[in-house]
Amino acid sequence: MSLSDLAFLVRAAASLPRHVLDPDVNTQPMAVQSAPLAQEEKPEPVKRPALAGGRWSEDQEAQLRGLYLKGVEVPEIAADMKRSPAAIVSRLLVMDLVEVIPKR
């Protein structure tokens, strides 16, 4: 073993936690129990609006334009059109009916 190999091992040992190198610590292997995979709770799938991700037809855009110009609130439009509020705002931006003004 070369001197550089020994120096490497000393540096590696110095970086280990103290309890790893302490001879007074019980060196018996620990029993680890893993939980069965079947018992893990799976998160509920996210409920998406019926038309989420779908293309907008010209009729839907006309309906959106009409509702928005009448002053209907975005959450109500979203529920009525079976789209998410984010989709409504996004489409309003595309249709140039709303404008984003950055904060200063």
C-alpha atoms as a PDB file:
ATOM      1  CA  MET A   1       0.000   0.000   0.000  1.00  0.00           C
ATOM      2  CA  SER A   2       1.395   3.332  -0.989  1.00  0.00           C
ATOM      3  CA  LEU A   3       1.558   6.397   1.199  1.00  0.00           C
ATOM      4  CA  SER A   4      -1.080   8.170  -0.956  1.00  0.00           C
ATOM      5  CA  ASP A   5      -3.454   5.196  -0.542  1.00  0.00           C
ATOM      6  CA  LEU A   6      -2.975   5.306   3.230  1.00  0.00           C
ATOM      7  CA  ALA A   7      -3.585   9.065   3.270  1.00  0.00           C
ATOM      8  CA  PHE A   8      -6.782   8.547   1.301  1.00  0.00           C
ATOM      9  CA  LEU A   9      -8.028   5.950   3.786  1.00  0.00           C
ATOM     10  CA  VAL A  10      -7.240   8.235   6.750  1.00  0.00           C
ATOM     11  CA  ARG A  11      -9.162  11.103   5.151  1.00  0.00           C
ATOM     12  CA  ALA A  12     -12.083   8.794   4.355  1.00  0.00           C
ATOM     13  CA  ALA A  13     -12.180   7.463   7.921  1.00  0.00           C
ATOM     14  CA  ALA A  14     -12.045  10.993   9.323  1.00  0.00           C
ATOM     15  CA  SER A  15     -15.146  11.936   7.323  1.00  0.00           C
ATOM     16  CA  LEU A  16     -17.197   9.081   8.822  1.00  0.00           C
ATOM     17  CA  PRO A  17     -19.488   9.755  11.803  1.00  0.00           C
ATOM     18  CA  ARG A  18     -17.855   9.121  15.190  1.00  0.00           C
ATOM     19  CA  HIS A  19     -20.196   6.254  16.120  1.00  0.00           C
ATOM     20  CA  VAL A  20     -19.070   4.270  13.061  1.00  0.00           C
ATOM     21  CA  LEU A  21     -15.479   4.144  14.243  1.00  0.00           C
ATOM     22  CA  ASP A  22     -16.218   3.733  17.993  1.00  0.00           C
ATOM     23  CA  PRO A  23     -15.399   0.149  19.088  1.00  0.00           C
ATOM     24  CA  ASP A  24     -17.850   0.346  22.048  1.00  0.00           C
ATOM     25  CA  VAL A  25     -20.855   0.474  19.770  1.00  0.00           C
ATOM     26  CA  ASN A  26     -22.768  -2.778  19.341  1.00  0.00           C
ATOM     27  CA  THR A  27     -21.720  -4.253  16.007  1.00  0.00           C
ATOM     28  CA  GLN A  28     -24.641  -6.691  15.743  1.00  0.00           C
ATOM     29  CA  PRO A  29     -26.480  -6.285  12.438  1.00  0.00           C
ATOM     30  CA  MET A  30     -29.771  -4.470  12.790  1.00  0.00           C
ATOM     31  CA  ALA A  31     -32.992  -6.121  11.665  1.00  0.00           C
ATOM     32  CA  VAL A  32     -34.856  -3.875   9.296  1.00  0.00           C
ATOM     33  CA  GLN A  33     -38.473  -4.540   8.485  1.00  0.00           C
ATOM     34  CA  SER A  34     -39.860  -3.192   5.281  1.00  0.00           C
ATOM     35  CA  ALA A  35     -43.501  -2.357   4.911  1.00  0.00           C
ATOM     36  CA  PRO A  36     -45.384  -4.485   2.412  1.00  0.00           C
ATOM     37  CA  LEU A  37     -46.019  -2.649  -0.831  1.00  0.00           C
ATOM     38  CA  ALA A  38     -49.678  -3.629  -0.907  1.00  0.00           C
ATOM     39  CA  GLN A  39     -50.399  -1.699   2.299  1.00  0.00           C
ATOM     40  CA  GLU A  40     -48.980   1.595   1.083  1.00  0.00           C
ATOM     41  CA  GLU A  41     -51.609   4.239   0.599  1.00  0.00           C
ATOM     42  CA  LYS A  42     -51.664   5.574  -2.915  1.00  0.00           C
ATOM     43  CA  PRO A  43     -52.568   9.226  -3.335  1.00  0.00           C
ATOM     44  CA  GLU A  44     -55.942   9.902  -4.876  1.00  0.00           C
ATOM     45  CA  PRO A  45     -55.724  10.875  -8.529  1.00  0.00           C
ATOM     46  CA  VAL A  46     -56.176  14.565  -9.202  1.00  0.00           C
ATOM     47  CA  LYS A  47     -59.695  15.351 -10.337  1.00  0.00           C
ATOM     48  CA  ARG A  48     -59.485  17.222 -13.609  1.00  0.00           C
ATOM     49  CA  PRO A  49     -62.280  19.080 -15.350  1.00  0.00           C
ATOM     50  CA  ALA A  50     -64.029  17.130 -18.110  1.00  0.00           C
ATOM     51  CA  LEU A  51     -62.462  19.088 -20.961  1.00  0.00           C
ATOM     52  CA  ALA A  52     -59.015  19.526 -19.388  1.00  0.00           C
ATOM     53  CA  GLY A  53     -56.307  19.545 -22.027  1.00  0.00           C
ATOM     54  CA  GLY A  54     -58.784  19.500 -24.906  1.00  0.00           C
ATOM     55  CA  ARG A  55     -58.688  21.855 -27.845  1.00  0.00           C
ATOM     56  CA  TRP A  56     -60.895  24.923 -27.871  1.00  0.00           C
ATOM     57  CA  SER A  57     -63.503  25.089 -30.606  1.00  0.00           C
ATOM     58  CA  GLU A  58     -64.595  28.367 -32.174  1.00  0.00           C
ATOM     59  CA  ASP A  59     -67.968  27.999 -30.420  1.00  0.00           C
ATOM     60  CA  GLN A  60     -66.264  27.583 -27.041  1.00  0.00           C
ATOM     61  CA  GLU A  61     -64.102  30.635 -27.648  1.00  0.00           C
ATOM     62  CA  ALA A  62     -67.196  32.636 -28.608  1.00  0.00           C
ATOM     63  CA  GLN A  63     -68.962  31.432 -25.447  1.00  0.00           C
ATOM     64  CA  LEU A  64     -65.923  32.360 -23.342  1.00  0.00           C
ATOM     65  CA  ARG A  65     -65.731  35.803 -24.946  1.00  0.00           C
ATOM     66  CA  GLY A  66     -69.428  36.412 -24.300  1.00  0.00           C
ATOM     67  CA  LEU A  67     -69.303  35.292 -20.654  1.00  0.00           C
ATOM     68  CA  TYR A  68     -66.165  37.269 -19.914  1.00  0.00           C
ATOM     69  CA  LEU A  69     -67.454  40.459 -21.550  1.00  0.00           C
ATOM     70  CA  LYS A  70     -70.707  40.122 -19.565  1.00  0.00           C
ATOM     71  CA  GLY A  71     -68.596  40.267 -16.392  1.00  0.00           C
ATOM     72  CA  VAL A  72     -68.989  36.667 -15.245  1.00  0.00           C
ATOM     73  CA  GLU A  73     -66.239  35.681 -12.772  1.00  0.00           C
ATOM     74  CA  VAL A  74     -63.505  33.284 -13.948  1.00  0.00           C
ATOM     75  CA  PRO A  75     -64.335  30.452 -11.460  1.00  0.00           C
ATOM     76  CA  GLU A  76     -67.964  30.529 -12.600  1.00  0.00           C
ATOM     77  CA  ILE A  77     -66.930  30.478 -16.266  1.00  0.00           C
ATOM     78  CA  ALA A  78     -64.588  27.555 -15.522  1.00  0.00           C
ATOM     79  CA  ALA A  79     -67.345  25.536 -13.861  1.00  0.00           C
ATOM     80  CA  ASP A  80     -69.799  26.373 -16.640  1.00  0.00           C
ATOM     81  CA  MET A  81     -67.380  25.401 -19.411  1.00  0.00           C
ATOM     82  CA  LYS A  82     -65.926  22.352 -17.580  1.00  0.00           C
ATOM     83  CA  ARG A  83     -62.410  23.821 -17.712  1.00  0.00           C
ATOM     84  CA  SER A  84     -59.980  24.840 -14.977  1.00  0.00           C
ATOM     85  CA  PRO A  85     -59.721  28.506 -13.954  1.00  0.00           C
ATOM     86  CA  ALA A  86     -56.106  28.447 -15.199  1.00  0.00           C
ATOM     87  CA  ALA A  87     -57.286  27.240 -18.609  1.00  0.00           C
ATOM     88  CA  ILE A  88     -59.845  30.055 -18.761  1.00  0.00           C
ATOM     89  CA  VAL A  89     -57.251  32.716 -17.916  1.00  0.00           C
ATOM     90  CA  SER A  90     -54.774  31.180 -20.349  1.00  0.00           C
ATOM     91  CA  ARG A  91     -57.312  31.249 -23.181  1.00  0.00           C
ATOM     92  CA  LEU A  92     -58.317  34.829 -22.301  1.00  0.00           C
ATOM     93  CA  LEU A  93     -54.639  35.769 -22.665  1.00  0.00           C
ATOM     94  CA  VAL A  94     -54.420  34.031 -26.046  1.00  0.00           C
ATOM     95  CA  MET A  95     -57.569  35.823 -27.175  1.00  0.00           C
ATOM     96  CA  ASP A  96     -56.106  39.190 -26.054  1.00  0.00           C
ATOM     97  CA  LEU A  97     -59.025  39.825 -23.700  1.00  0.00           C
ATOM     98  CA  VAL A  98     -56.782  40.251 -20.654  1.00  0.00           C
ATOM     99  CA  GLU A  99     -53.344  41.733 -20.249  1.00  0.00           C
ATOM    100  CA  VAL A 100     -50.607  40.831 -17.789  1.00  0.00           C
ATOM    101  CA  ILE A 101     -49.100  43.852 -16.091  1.00  0.00           C
ATOM    102  CA  PRO A 102     -45.938  43.017 -14.131  1.00  0.00           C
ATOM    103  CA  LYS A 103     -45.517  44.336 -10.592  1.00  0.00           C
ATOM    104  CA  ARG A 104     -42.891  47.012 -10.046  1.00  0.00           C
END
